[in-house]
């Protein structure tokens, strides 16, 4: 196992103990890197130090769950779908929503069914093509997003409070650069 596996059972970093404890002088990924250096000193573990930490951060953030969303009875994926409808300001097709939320069509269909049952979104058929649906927020859906977004942003600010504002800006810029590269190249790397 490597530091990039991101598995939940091992703390996402491949630490042998599986308890997520940090080793001396760092986080769990630092401990994994030291272990790899001991058994394979010939390998450059630099990529592991970045990707392993991104995976570990993502796993921890997912495990923590978003308290404001949870209180509203929403998953992050459902909120992302509602947020896409709110921020674009117009109806979207399920295919548009899949692209906006980086989700599969099947996942969007399932979420739309749940959100429709809760009267947070409405679907209407296309007048020209009966196979196409258009989705929009209901008033209740818009009010829910508008009410929860400030609370969710405050929660996310609290999660990041250990990193000062200038460093948060640097981190956002670095991650933005990485994301832009990956979005443009990842399919080619998989081939």
N, C-alpha and C. Protein backbone atom coordinates (compact mmCIF):
# COMPACT_ATOMS: atom_id res chain seq x y z
N UNK A 1 0.85 -1.18 0.00
CA UNK A 1 0.00 0.00 0.00
C UNK A 1 0.89 1.24 0.00
N UNK A 2 0.43 2.28 -0.66
CA UNK A 2 1.19 3.52 -0.73
C UNK A 2 0.45 4.63 -0.03
N UNK A 3 1.10 5.76 0.09
CA UNK A 3 0.47 6.92 0.73
C UNK A 3 -0.62 7.50 -0.13
N UNK A 4 -0.71 7.10 -1.38
CA UNK A 4 -1.72 7.69 -2.27
C UNK A 4 -3.00 6.88 -2.33
N UNK A 5 -3.06 5.76 -1.65
CA UNK A 5 -4.24 4.92 -1.73
C UNK A 5 -5.47 5.57 -1.13
N UNK A 6 -5.32 6.33 -0.06
CA UNK A 6 -6.45 7.05 0.53
C UNK A 6 -7.46 6.17 1.22
N UNK A 7 -7.10 4.94 1.56
CA UNK A 7 -8.05 4.05 2.20
C UNK A 7 -8.45 4.52 3.58
N UNK A 8 -9.72 4.31 3.93
CA UNK A 8 -10.23 4.78 5.21
C UNK A 8 -9.68 3.95 6.36
N UNK A 9 -9.46 2.66 6.14
CA UNK A 9 -9.02 1.81 7.23
C UNK A 9 -7.62 2.14 7.72
N UNK A 10 -6.78 2.64 6.83
CA UNK A 10 -5.41 2.92 7.24
C UNK A 10 -5.16 4.41 7.36
N UNK A 11 -6.21 5.18 7.50
CA UNK A 11 -6.03 6.61 7.63
C UNK A 11 -5.71 7.27 6.32
N UNK A 12 -5.83 6.53 5.20
CA UNK A 12 -5.59 7.11 3.90
C UNK A 12 -4.13 7.30 3.57
N UNK A 13 -3.24 6.85 4.40
CA UNK A 13 -1.84 7.11 4.15
C UNK A 13 -1.00 5.85 4.11
N UNK A 14 -1.59 4.70 4.30
CA UNK A 14 -0.84 3.47 4.23
C UNK A 14 0.02 3.21 5.45
N UNK A 15 -0.24 3.88 6.56
CA UNK A 15 0.53 3.66 7.78
C UNK A 15 0.27 2.26 8.27
N UNK A 16 1.33 1.58 8.65
CA UNK A 16 1.22 0.20 9.03
C UNK A 16 0.32 -0.05 10.23
N UNK A 17 0.25 0.86 11.19
CA UNK A 17 -0.53 0.60 12.39
C UNK A 17 -2.02 0.68 12.14
N UNK A 18 -2.45 1.45 11.11
CA UNK A 18 -3.86 1.55 10.81
C UNK A 18 -4.64 2.43 11.77
N UNK A 19 -3.97 3.07 12.74
CA UNK A 19 -4.72 3.87 13.71
C UNK A 19 -4.68 5.36 13.40
N UNK A 20 -4.05 5.75 12.30
CA UNK A 20 -4.05 7.15 11.90
C UNK A 20 -3.14 8.04 12.72
N UNK A 21 -2.31 7.46 13.61
CA UNK A 21 -1.40 8.28 14.42
C UNK A 21 -0.28 8.83 13.57
N UNK A 22 0.19 10.00 13.95
CA UNK A 22 1.32 10.57 13.24
C UNK A 22 2.60 10.08 13.87
N UNK A 23 3.61 10.01 13.05
CA UNK A 23 4.92 9.65 13.55
C UNK A 23 5.65 10.88 14.02
N UNK A 24 6.84 10.72 14.59
CA UNK A 24 7.59 11.88 15.04
C UNK A 24 7.93 12.77 13.86
N UNK A 25 7.70 14.06 14.02
CA UNK A 25 8.09 15.01 12.99
C UNK A 25 7.12 15.14 11.84
N UNK A 26 5.85 14.80 12.03
CA UNK A 26 4.95 15.03 10.92
C UNK A 26 3.62 14.33 11.03
N UNK A 27 2.95 14.32 9.91
CA UNK A 27 1.64 13.72 9.79
C UNK A 27 1.77 12.25 9.41
N UNK A 28 0.66 11.59 9.16
CA UNK A 28 0.70 10.17 8.82
C UNK A 28 1.43 9.91 7.51
N UNK A 29 1.34 10.84 6.56
CA UNK A 29 2.05 10.65 5.29
C UNK A 29 3.55 10.72 5.51
N UNK A 30 4.00 11.61 6.38
CA UNK A 30 5.44 11.69 6.68
C UNK A 30 5.94 10.35 7.24
N UNK A 31 5.12 9.73 8.08
CA UNK A 31 5.50 8.43 8.64
C UNK A 31 5.60 7.37 7.54
N UNK A 32 4.66 7.39 6.61
CA UNK A 32 4.68 6.43 5.50
C UNK A 32 5.92 6.65 4.64
N UNK A 33 6.21 7.91 4.34
CA UNK A 33 7.38 8.23 3.52
C UNK A 33 8.65 7.73 4.19
N UNK A 34 8.77 7.92 5.50
CA UNK A 34 9.95 7.41 6.22
C UNK A 34 10.05 5.89 6.09
N UNK A 35 8.91 5.22 6.18
CA UNK A 35 8.91 3.76 6.05
C UNK A 35 9.37 3.33 4.65
N UNK A 36 8.86 4.02 3.61
CA UNK A 36 9.29 3.69 2.25
C UNK A 36 10.77 3.99 2.04
N UNK A 37 11.25 5.08 2.62
CA UNK A 37 12.68 5.39 2.50
C UNK A 37 13.53 4.30 3.14
N UNK A 38 13.04 3.71 4.21
CA UNK A 38 13.79 2.65 4.89
C UNK A 38 13.89 1.39 4.03
N UNK A 39 12.83 1.06 3.31
CA UNK A 39 12.84 -0.19 2.54
C UNK A 39 13.19 0.02 1.07
N UNK A 40 12.95 1.24 0.55
CA UNK A 40 13.26 1.54 -0.86
C UNK A 40 13.86 2.94 -0.97
N UNK A 41 15.09 3.13 -0.47
CA UNK A 41 15.70 4.45 -0.51
C UNK A 41 16.00 4.95 -1.93
N UNK A 42 15.91 4.07 -2.90
CA UNK A 42 16.19 4.45 -4.28
C UNK A 42 15.02 5.18 -4.95
N UNK A 43 13.85 5.18 -4.32
CA UNK A 43 12.65 5.78 -4.94
C UNK A 43 12.45 7.22 -4.50
N UNK A 44 11.97 8.05 -5.42
CA UNK A 44 11.61 9.44 -5.12
C UNK A 44 10.16 9.44 -4.64
N UNK A 45 9.96 9.72 -3.37
CA UNK A 45 8.61 9.71 -2.79
C UNK A 45 7.96 11.09 -2.79
N UNK A 46 8.55 12.05 -3.49
CA UNK A 46 7.98 13.40 -3.55
C UNK A 46 6.52 13.43 -3.97
N UNK A 47 6.14 12.74 -5.06
CA UNK A 47 4.74 12.75 -5.45
C UNK A 47 3.81 12.19 -4.37
N UNK A 48 4.29 11.16 -3.66
CA UNK A 48 3.51 10.56 -2.59
C UNK A 48 3.24 11.59 -1.49
N UNK A 49 4.21 12.45 -1.23
CA UNK A 49 4.05 13.44 -0.17
C UNK A 49 2.95 14.45 -0.49
N UNK A 50 2.73 14.71 -1.77
CA UNK A 50 1.67 15.64 -2.17
C UNK A 50 0.34 14.91 -2.33
N UNK A 51 0.32 13.90 -3.18
CA UNK A 51 -0.93 13.20 -3.47
C UNK A 51 -1.45 12.47 -2.23
N UNK A 52 -0.57 11.88 -1.46
CA UNK A 52 -0.98 11.23 -0.22
C UNK A 52 -1.65 12.20 0.74
N UNK A 53 -1.09 13.40 0.85
CA UNK A 53 -1.69 14.40 1.75
C UNK A 53 -3.02 14.91 1.21
N UNK A 54 -3.12 15.10 -0.10
CA UNK A 54 -4.41 15.52 -0.67
C UNK A 54 -5.46 14.45 -0.39
N UNK A 55 -5.11 13.18 -0.64
CA UNK A 55 -6.05 12.09 -0.39
C UNK A 55 -6.43 12.00 1.08
N UNK A 56 -5.46 12.16 1.95
CA UNK A 56 -5.73 12.07 3.40
C UNK A 56 -6.64 13.22 3.83
N UNK A 57 -6.35 14.43 3.36
CA UNK A 57 -7.22 15.58 3.69
C UNK A 57 -8.64 15.33 3.19
N UNK A 58 -8.76 14.84 1.96
CA UNK A 58 -10.10 14.57 1.41
C UNK A 58 -10.84 13.53 2.24
N UNK A 59 -10.13 12.47 2.63
CA UNK A 59 -10.77 11.43 3.43
C UNK A 59 -11.23 11.97 4.78
N UNK A 60 -10.39 12.78 5.41
CA UNK A 60 -10.76 13.34 6.71
C UNK A 60 -11.95 14.29 6.58
N UNK A 61 -11.95 15.10 5.54
CA UNK A 61 -13.07 16.02 5.34
C UNK A 61 -14.36 15.25 5.07
N UNK A 62 -14.28 14.16 4.32
CA UNK A 62 -15.47 13.35 4.06
C UNK A 62 -15.94 12.65 5.32
N UNK A 63 -15.01 12.18 6.13
CA UNK A 63 -15.40 11.50 7.37
C UNK A 63 -16.07 12.46 8.34
N UNK A 64 -15.60 13.69 8.37
CA UNK A 64 -16.15 14.67 9.30
C UNK A 64 -17.59 15.00 8.96
N UNK A 65 -17.95 14.80 7.72
CA UNK A 65 -19.26 15.19 7.22
C UNK A 65 -19.49 16.67 7.50
N UNK A 66 -20.33 17.24 6.73
CA UNK A 66 -20.58 18.67 6.86
C UNK A 66 -21.75 18.88 7.79
N UNK A 67 -21.47 19.35 9.00
CA UNK A 67 -22.49 19.46 10.04
C UNK A 67 -23.71 20.27 9.60
N UNK A 68 -23.56 21.45 9.01
CA UNK A 68 -24.76 22.19 8.61
C UNK A 68 -25.60 21.43 7.58
N UNK A 69 -24.94 20.76 6.66
CA UNK A 69 -25.68 19.99 5.67
C UNK A 69 -26.40 18.81 6.32
N UNK A 70 -25.72 18.15 7.21
CA UNK A 70 -26.30 17.00 7.91
C UNK A 70 -27.54 17.42 8.69
N UNK A 71 -27.46 18.58 9.37
CA UNK A 71 -28.62 19.08 10.12
C UNK A 71 -29.80 19.37 9.20
N UNK A 72 -29.52 19.78 7.97
CA UNK A 72 -30.58 20.06 7.00
C UNK A 72 -31.06 18.79 6.30
N UNK A 73 -30.45 17.64 6.64
CA UNK A 73 -30.84 16.38 6.02
C UNK A 73 -30.33 16.22 4.60
N UNK A 74 -29.23 16.91 4.28
CA UNK A 74 -28.65 16.84 2.94
C UNK A 74 -27.28 16.19 2.97
N UNK A 75 -26.98 15.48 1.92
CA UNK A 75 -25.60 15.03 1.71
C UNK A 75 -24.86 16.12 0.96
N UNK A 76 -23.55 16.04 0.94
CA UNK A 76 -22.75 17.00 0.18
C UNK A 76 -23.13 16.93 -1.30
N UNK A 77 -23.34 15.73 -1.81
CA UNK A 77 -23.69 15.57 -3.23
C UNK A 77 -25.04 16.22 -3.55
N UNK A 78 -26.00 16.09 -2.66
CA UNK A 78 -27.31 16.73 -2.88
C UNK A 78 -27.17 18.25 -2.83
N UNK A 79 -26.38 18.73 -1.88
CA UNK A 79 -26.18 20.18 -1.77
C UNK A 79 -25.47 20.71 -3.01
N UNK A 80 -24.50 19.96 -3.52
CA UNK A 80 -23.81 20.39 -4.74
C UNK A 80 -24.78 20.51 -5.91
N UNK A 81 -25.73 19.59 -6.00
CA UNK A 81 -26.71 19.64 -7.07
C UNK A 81 -27.62 20.87 -6.90
N UNK A 82 -28.12 21.08 -5.68
CA UNK A 82 -28.95 22.27 -5.42
C UNK A 82 -28.15 23.54 -5.66
N UNK A 83 -26.89 23.53 -5.24
CA UNK A 83 -26.04 24.70 -5.43
C UNK A 83 -25.80 25.01 -6.89
N UNK A 84 -25.66 23.97 -7.72
CA UNK A 84 -25.46 24.19 -9.16
C UNK A 84 -26.68 24.88 -9.75
N UNK A 85 -27.86 24.45 -9.35
CA UNK A 85 -29.08 25.09 -9.84
C UNK A 85 -29.18 26.54 -9.37
N UNK A 86 -28.77 26.78 -8.13
CA UNK A 86 -28.87 28.14 -7.57
C UNK A 86 -27.84 29.08 -8.19
N UNK A 87 -26.60 28.63 -8.32
CA UNK A 87 -25.55 29.55 -8.79
C UNK A 87 -25.64 29.83 -10.28
N UNK A 88 -26.19 28.88 -11.07
CA UNK A 88 -26.34 29.15 -12.48
C UNK A 88 -27.57 30.02 -12.75
N UNK A 89 -28.55 29.94 -11.86
CA UNK A 89 -29.71 30.80 -11.97
C UNK A 89 -30.72 30.42 -13.03
N UNK A 90 -30.62 29.22 -13.56
CA UNK A 90 -31.61 28.80 -14.56
C UNK A 90 -31.77 27.29 -14.53
N UNK A 91 -32.74 26.80 -15.28
CA UNK A 91 -32.98 25.37 -15.36
C UNK A 91 -31.79 24.67 -15.99
N UNK A 92 -31.56 23.44 -15.56
CA UNK A 92 -30.51 22.60 -16.13
C UNK A 92 -31.09 21.23 -16.43
N UNK A 93 -30.53 20.57 -17.41
CA UNK A 93 -30.91 19.19 -17.68
C UNK A 93 -30.12 18.29 -16.72
N UNK A 94 -30.57 17.05 -16.53
CA UNK A 94 -29.77 16.12 -15.72
C UNK A 94 -28.34 15.97 -16.23
N UNK A 95 -28.15 16.00 -17.55
CA UNK A 95 -26.80 15.93 -18.11
C UNK A 95 -25.97 17.14 -17.72
N UNK A 96 -26.58 18.32 -17.76
CA UNK A 96 -25.88 19.53 -17.32
C UNK A 96 -25.48 19.40 -15.85
N UNK A 97 -26.40 18.90 -15.03
CA UNK A 97 -26.12 18.74 -13.60
C UNK A 97 -24.99 17.74 -13.36
N UNK A 98 -24.94 16.68 -14.16
CA UNK A 98 -23.86 15.70 -14.03
C UNK A 98 -22.52 16.37 -14.30
N UNK A 99 -22.46 17.21 -15.34
CA UNK A 99 -21.20 17.91 -15.65
C UNK A 99 -20.87 18.94 -14.57
N UNK A 100 -21.85 19.67 -14.10
CA UNK A 100 -21.62 20.71 -13.09
C UNK A 100 -21.14 20.14 -11.76
N UNK A 101 -21.59 18.93 -11.43
CA UNK A 101 -21.28 18.34 -10.12
C UNK A 101 -20.29 17.19 -10.21
N UNK A 102 -19.72 16.94 -11.39
CA UNK A 102 -18.75 15.86 -11.58
C UNK A 102 -19.32 14.52 -11.11
N UNK A 103 -20.58 14.26 -11.46
CA UNK A 103 -21.28 13.06 -11.03
C UNK A 103 -21.69 12.24 -12.24
N UNK A 104 -22.01 10.99 -12.01
CA UNK A 104 -22.54 10.14 -13.09
C UNK A 104 -24.01 10.48 -13.31
N UNK A 105 -24.49 10.14 -14.48
CA UNK A 105 -25.90 10.35 -14.78
C UNK A 105 -26.81 9.59 -13.83
N UNK A 106 -26.42 8.36 -13.49
CA UNK A 106 -27.23 7.55 -12.58
C UNK A 106 -27.30 8.19 -11.19
N UNK A 107 -26.17 8.73 -10.73
CA UNK A 107 -26.15 9.38 -9.40
C UNK A 107 -27.04 10.62 -9.40
N UNK A 108 -26.99 11.39 -10.47
CA UNK A 108 -27.83 12.59 -10.57
C UNK A 108 -29.30 12.20 -10.58
N UNK A 109 -29.64 11.16 -11.33
CA UNK A 109 -31.03 10.70 -11.39
C UNK A 109 -31.54 10.32 -10.00
N UNK A 110 -30.72 9.59 -9.26
CA UNK A 110 -31.12 9.17 -7.90
C UNK A 110 -31.30 10.39 -7.00
N UNK A 111 -30.36 11.33 -7.05
CA UNK A 111 -30.47 12.52 -6.20
C UNK A 111 -31.67 13.37 -6.58
N UNK A 112 -31.92 13.50 -7.88
CA UNK A 112 -33.07 14.29 -8.32
C UNK A 112 -34.38 13.68 -7.82
N UNK A 113 -34.46 12.36 -7.83
CA UNK A 113 -35.66 11.69 -7.32
C UNK A 113 -35.87 12.05 -5.86
N UNK A 114 -34.80 11.96 -5.06
CA UNK A 114 -34.91 12.27 -3.63
C UNK A 114 -35.26 13.74 -3.39
N UNK A 115 -34.62 14.63 -4.15
CA UNK A 115 -34.87 16.06 -3.96
C UNK A 115 -36.25 16.46 -4.47
N UNK A 116 -36.76 15.76 -5.49
CA UNK A 116 -38.11 16.02 -5.98
C UNK A 116 -39.13 15.58 -4.93
N UNK A 117 -38.88 14.42 -4.32
CA UNK A 117 -39.78 13.94 -3.26
C UNK A 117 -39.82 14.90 -2.08
N UNK A 118 -38.75 15.61 -1.85
CA UNK A 118 -38.70 16.60 -0.75
C UNK A 118 -39.18 17.98 -1.20
N UNK A 119 -39.62 18.08 -2.45
CA UNK A 119 -40.15 19.33 -3.04
C UNK A 119 -39.10 20.44 -3.06
N UNK A 120 -37.83 20.05 -3.27
CA UNK A 120 -36.76 21.04 -3.37
C UNK A 120 -36.42 21.36 -4.83
N UNK A 121 -36.75 20.43 -5.73
CA UNK A 121 -36.58 20.66 -7.17
C UNK A 121 -37.84 20.20 -7.89
N UNK A 122 -38.01 20.73 -9.09
CA UNK A 122 -39.10 20.30 -9.97
C UNK A 122 -38.52 19.95 -11.32
N UNK A 123 -39.15 19.00 -11.98
CA UNK A 123 -38.75 18.60 -13.32
C UNK A 123 -39.89 18.91 -14.28
N UNK A 124 -39.54 19.34 -15.46
CA UNK A 124 -40.54 19.51 -16.51
C UNK A 124 -39.96 18.96 -17.80
N UNK A 125 -40.82 18.42 -18.60
CA UNK A 125 -40.39 17.87 -19.88
C UNK A 125 -40.14 18.97 -20.89
N UNK A 126 -39.30 18.66 -21.84
CA UNK A 126 -39.01 19.59 -22.93
C UNK A 126 -40.16 19.55 -23.93
N UNK A 127 -40.56 20.70 -24.41
CA UNK A 127 -41.69 20.75 -25.36
C UNK A 127 -41.32 20.17 -26.72
N UNK A 128 -40.04 20.18 -27.07
CA UNK A 128 -39.61 19.68 -28.38
C UNK A 128 -39.10 18.24 -28.34
N UNK A 129 -38.55 17.83 -27.20
CA UNK A 129 -37.97 16.49 -27.10
C UNK A 129 -38.40 15.88 -25.77
N UNK A 130 -39.30 14.91 -25.82
CA UNK A 130 -39.85 14.33 -24.59
C UNK A 130 -38.83 13.56 -23.78
N UNK A 131 -37.70 13.23 -24.38
CA UNK A 131 -36.66 12.50 -23.64
C UNK A 131 -35.86 13.42 -22.72
N UNK A 132 -35.96 14.73 -22.93
CA UNK A 132 -35.17 15.70 -22.17
C UNK A 132 -36.02 16.27 -21.04
N UNK A 133 -35.43 16.36 -19.87
CA UNK A 133 -36.08 16.99 -18.72
C UNK A 133 -35.31 18.24 -18.35
N UNK A 134 -36.01 19.19 -17.81
CA UNK A 134 -35.40 20.42 -17.30
C UNK A 134 -35.69 20.48 -15.80
N UNK A 135 -34.68 20.81 -15.04
CA UNK A 135 -34.79 20.80 -13.58
C UNK A 135 -34.59 22.22 -13.07
N UNK A 136 -35.41 22.61 -12.11
CA UNK A 136 -35.24 23.91 -11.49
C UNK A 136 -35.50 23.79 -10.00
N UNK A 137 -34.97 24.74 -9.25
CA UNK A 137 -35.23 24.80 -7.82
C UNK A 137 -36.66 25.26 -7.58
N UNK A 138 -37.27 24.70 -6.57
CA UNK A 138 -38.54 25.25 -6.08
C UNK A 138 -38.19 26.42 -5.17
N UNK A 139 -39.19 27.16 -4.75
CA UNK A 139 -38.94 28.24 -3.79
C UNK A 139 -38.33 27.67 -2.51
N UNK A 140 -38.84 26.51 -2.09
CA UNK A 140 -38.30 25.88 -0.88
C UNK A 140 -36.84 25.48 -1.07
N UNK A 141 -36.49 25.00 -2.25
CA UNK A 141 -35.10 24.63 -2.55
C UNK A 141 -34.19 25.84 -2.54
N UNK A 142 -34.64 26.92 -3.18
CA UNK A 142 -33.84 28.16 -3.19
C UNK A 142 -33.66 28.70 -1.77
N UNK A 143 -34.73 28.71 -0.99
CA UNK A 143 -34.63 29.20 0.39
C UNK A 143 -33.68 28.34 1.22
N UNK A 144 -33.72 27.02 1.00
CA UNK A 144 -32.82 26.13 1.74
C UNK A 144 -31.36 26.43 1.40
N UNK A 145 -31.05 26.54 0.12
CA UNK A 145 -29.67 26.84 -0.29
C UNK A 145 -29.23 28.19 0.27
N UNK A 146 -30.07 29.20 0.10
CA UNK A 146 -29.71 30.54 0.58
C UNK A 146 -29.54 30.57 2.09
N UNK A 147 -30.32 29.77 2.80
CA UNK A 147 -30.21 29.74 4.26
C UNK A 147 -29.00 28.98 4.76
N UNK A 148 -28.68 27.88 4.08
CA UNK A 148 -27.60 27.02 4.57
C UNK A 148 -26.22 27.44 4.10
N UNK A 149 -26.12 28.14 2.96
CA UNK A 149 -24.81 28.47 2.41
C UNK A 149 -23.95 29.29 3.37
N UNK A 150 -24.46 30.36 3.98
CA UNK A 150 -23.61 31.10 4.93
C UNK A 150 -23.13 30.24 6.10
N UNK A 151 -24.00 29.37 6.59
CA UNK A 151 -23.63 28.48 7.69
C UNK A 151 -22.58 27.46 7.24
N UNK A 152 -22.75 26.94 6.03
CA UNK A 152 -21.78 25.98 5.51
C UNK A 152 -20.42 26.63 5.29
N UNK A 153 -20.41 27.85 4.76
CA UNK A 153 -19.14 28.55 4.56
C UNK A 153 -18.46 28.86 5.89
N UNK A 154 -19.24 29.19 6.91
CA UNK A 154 -18.66 29.42 8.24
C UNK A 154 -18.06 28.12 8.78
N UNK A 155 -18.74 27.01 8.56
CA UNK A 155 -18.23 25.71 8.98
C UNK A 155 -16.90 25.40 8.28
N UNK A 156 -16.87 25.64 6.96
CA UNK A 156 -15.65 25.37 6.20
C UNK A 156 -14.52 26.30 6.63
N UNK A 157 -14.84 27.54 6.97
CA UNK A 157 -13.83 28.46 7.48
C UNK A 157 -13.26 27.95 8.80
N UNK A 158 -14.13 27.41 9.65
CA UNK A 158 -13.66 26.86 10.92
C UNK A 158 -12.74 25.67 10.69
N UNK A 159 -13.06 24.84 9.71
CA UNK A 159 -12.22 23.68 9.39
C UNK A 159 -10.82 24.15 8.97
N UNK A 160 -10.76 25.27 8.25
CA UNK A 160 -9.49 25.79 7.74
C UNK A 160 -8.83 26.79 8.67
N UNK A 161 -9.39 27.00 9.84
CA UNK A 161 -8.91 28.07 10.72
C UNK A 161 -7.47 27.92 11.18
N UNK A 162 -6.92 26.74 11.11
CA UNK A 162 -5.54 26.54 11.50
C UNK A 162 -4.53 27.03 10.47
N UNK A 163 -5.03 27.43 9.32
CA UNK A 163 -4.16 27.94 8.25
C UNK A 163 -4.49 29.42 8.07
N UNK A 164 -3.47 30.30 8.19
CA UNK A 164 -3.76 31.73 8.10
C UNK A 164 -4.19 32.12 6.69
N UNK A 165 -4.84 33.28 6.57
CA UNK A 165 -5.46 33.71 5.30
C UNK A 165 -4.48 33.75 4.13
N UNK A 166 -3.29 34.34 4.29
CA UNK A 166 -2.37 34.33 3.13
C UNK A 166 -2.01 32.93 2.66
N UNK A 167 -1.82 32.02 3.60
CA UNK A 167 -1.48 30.65 3.21
C UNK A 167 -2.67 29.93 2.59
N UNK A 168 -3.88 30.27 3.05
CA UNK A 168 -5.07 29.69 2.41
C UNK A 168 -5.12 30.13 0.95
N UNK A 169 -4.80 31.39 0.69
CA UNK A 169 -4.77 31.88 -0.69
C UNK A 169 -3.73 31.16 -1.52
N UNK A 170 -2.54 30.95 -0.93
CA UNK A 170 -1.49 30.22 -1.64
C UNK A 170 -1.93 28.79 -1.93
N UNK A 171 -2.52 28.17 -0.92
CA UNK A 171 -2.97 26.78 -1.07
C UNK A 171 -4.05 26.69 -2.15
N UNK A 172 -5.01 27.63 -2.13
CA UNK A 172 -6.07 27.63 -3.14
C UNK A 172 -5.47 27.78 -4.54
N UNK A 173 -4.49 28.66 -4.68
CA UNK A 173 -3.87 28.87 -5.99
C UNK A 173 -3.11 27.63 -6.44
N UNK A 174 -2.36 27.01 -5.54
CA UNK A 174 -1.61 25.80 -5.89
C UNK A 174 -2.56 24.67 -6.28
N UNK A 175 -3.61 24.47 -5.48
CA UNK A 175 -4.57 23.41 -5.79
C UNK A 175 -5.32 23.71 -7.09
N UNK A 176 -5.61 24.99 -7.33
CA UNK A 176 -6.26 25.38 -8.58
C UNK A 176 -5.40 25.06 -9.78
N UNK A 177 -4.10 25.33 -9.67
CA UNK A 177 -3.18 24.99 -10.76
C UNK A 177 -3.12 23.50 -11.00
N UNK A 178 -3.04 22.73 -9.91
CA UNK A 178 -2.99 21.28 -10.03
C UNK A 178 -4.29 20.76 -10.64
N UNK A 179 -5.42 21.25 -10.15
CA UNK A 179 -6.70 20.80 -10.67
C UNK A 179 -6.84 21.12 -12.16
N UNK A 180 -6.43 22.31 -12.56
CA UNK A 180 -6.49 22.67 -13.98
C UNK A 180 -5.68 21.73 -14.84
N UNK A 181 -4.49 21.37 -14.35
CA UNK A 181 -3.66 20.43 -15.10
C UNK A 181 -4.30 19.05 -15.17
N UNK A 182 -4.82 18.59 -14.02
CA UNK A 182 -5.41 17.25 -13.99
C UNK A 182 -6.66 17.17 -14.86
N UNK A 183 -7.48 18.21 -14.82
CA UNK A 183 -8.69 18.19 -15.63
C UNK A 183 -8.35 18.14 -17.12
N UNK A 184 -7.21 18.70 -17.48
CA UNK A 184 -6.82 18.68 -18.88
C UNK A 184 -6.04 17.45 -19.30
N UNK A 185 -5.41 16.76 -18.33
CA UNK A 185 -4.50 15.68 -18.69
C UNK A 185 -4.83 14.31 -18.15
N UNK A 186 -5.73 14.22 -17.20
CA UNK A 186 -5.92 12.94 -16.51
C UNK A 186 -6.33 11.81 -17.44
N UNK A 187 -7.22 12.08 -18.40
CA UNK A 187 -7.62 11.02 -19.33
C UNK A 187 -6.42 10.49 -20.10
N UNK A 188 -5.51 11.38 -20.50
CA UNK A 188 -4.32 10.94 -21.23
C UNK A 188 -3.41 10.10 -20.34
N UNK A 189 -3.32 10.43 -19.06
CA UNK A 189 -2.47 9.67 -18.13
C UNK A 189 -3.03 8.27 -17.88
N UNK A 190 -4.34 8.11 -17.95
CA UNK A 190 -4.98 6.81 -17.70
C UNK A 190 -4.76 5.84 -18.85
N UNK A 191 -4.53 6.36 -20.06
CA UNK A 191 -4.42 5.49 -21.25
C UNK A 191 -3.19 4.63 -21.23
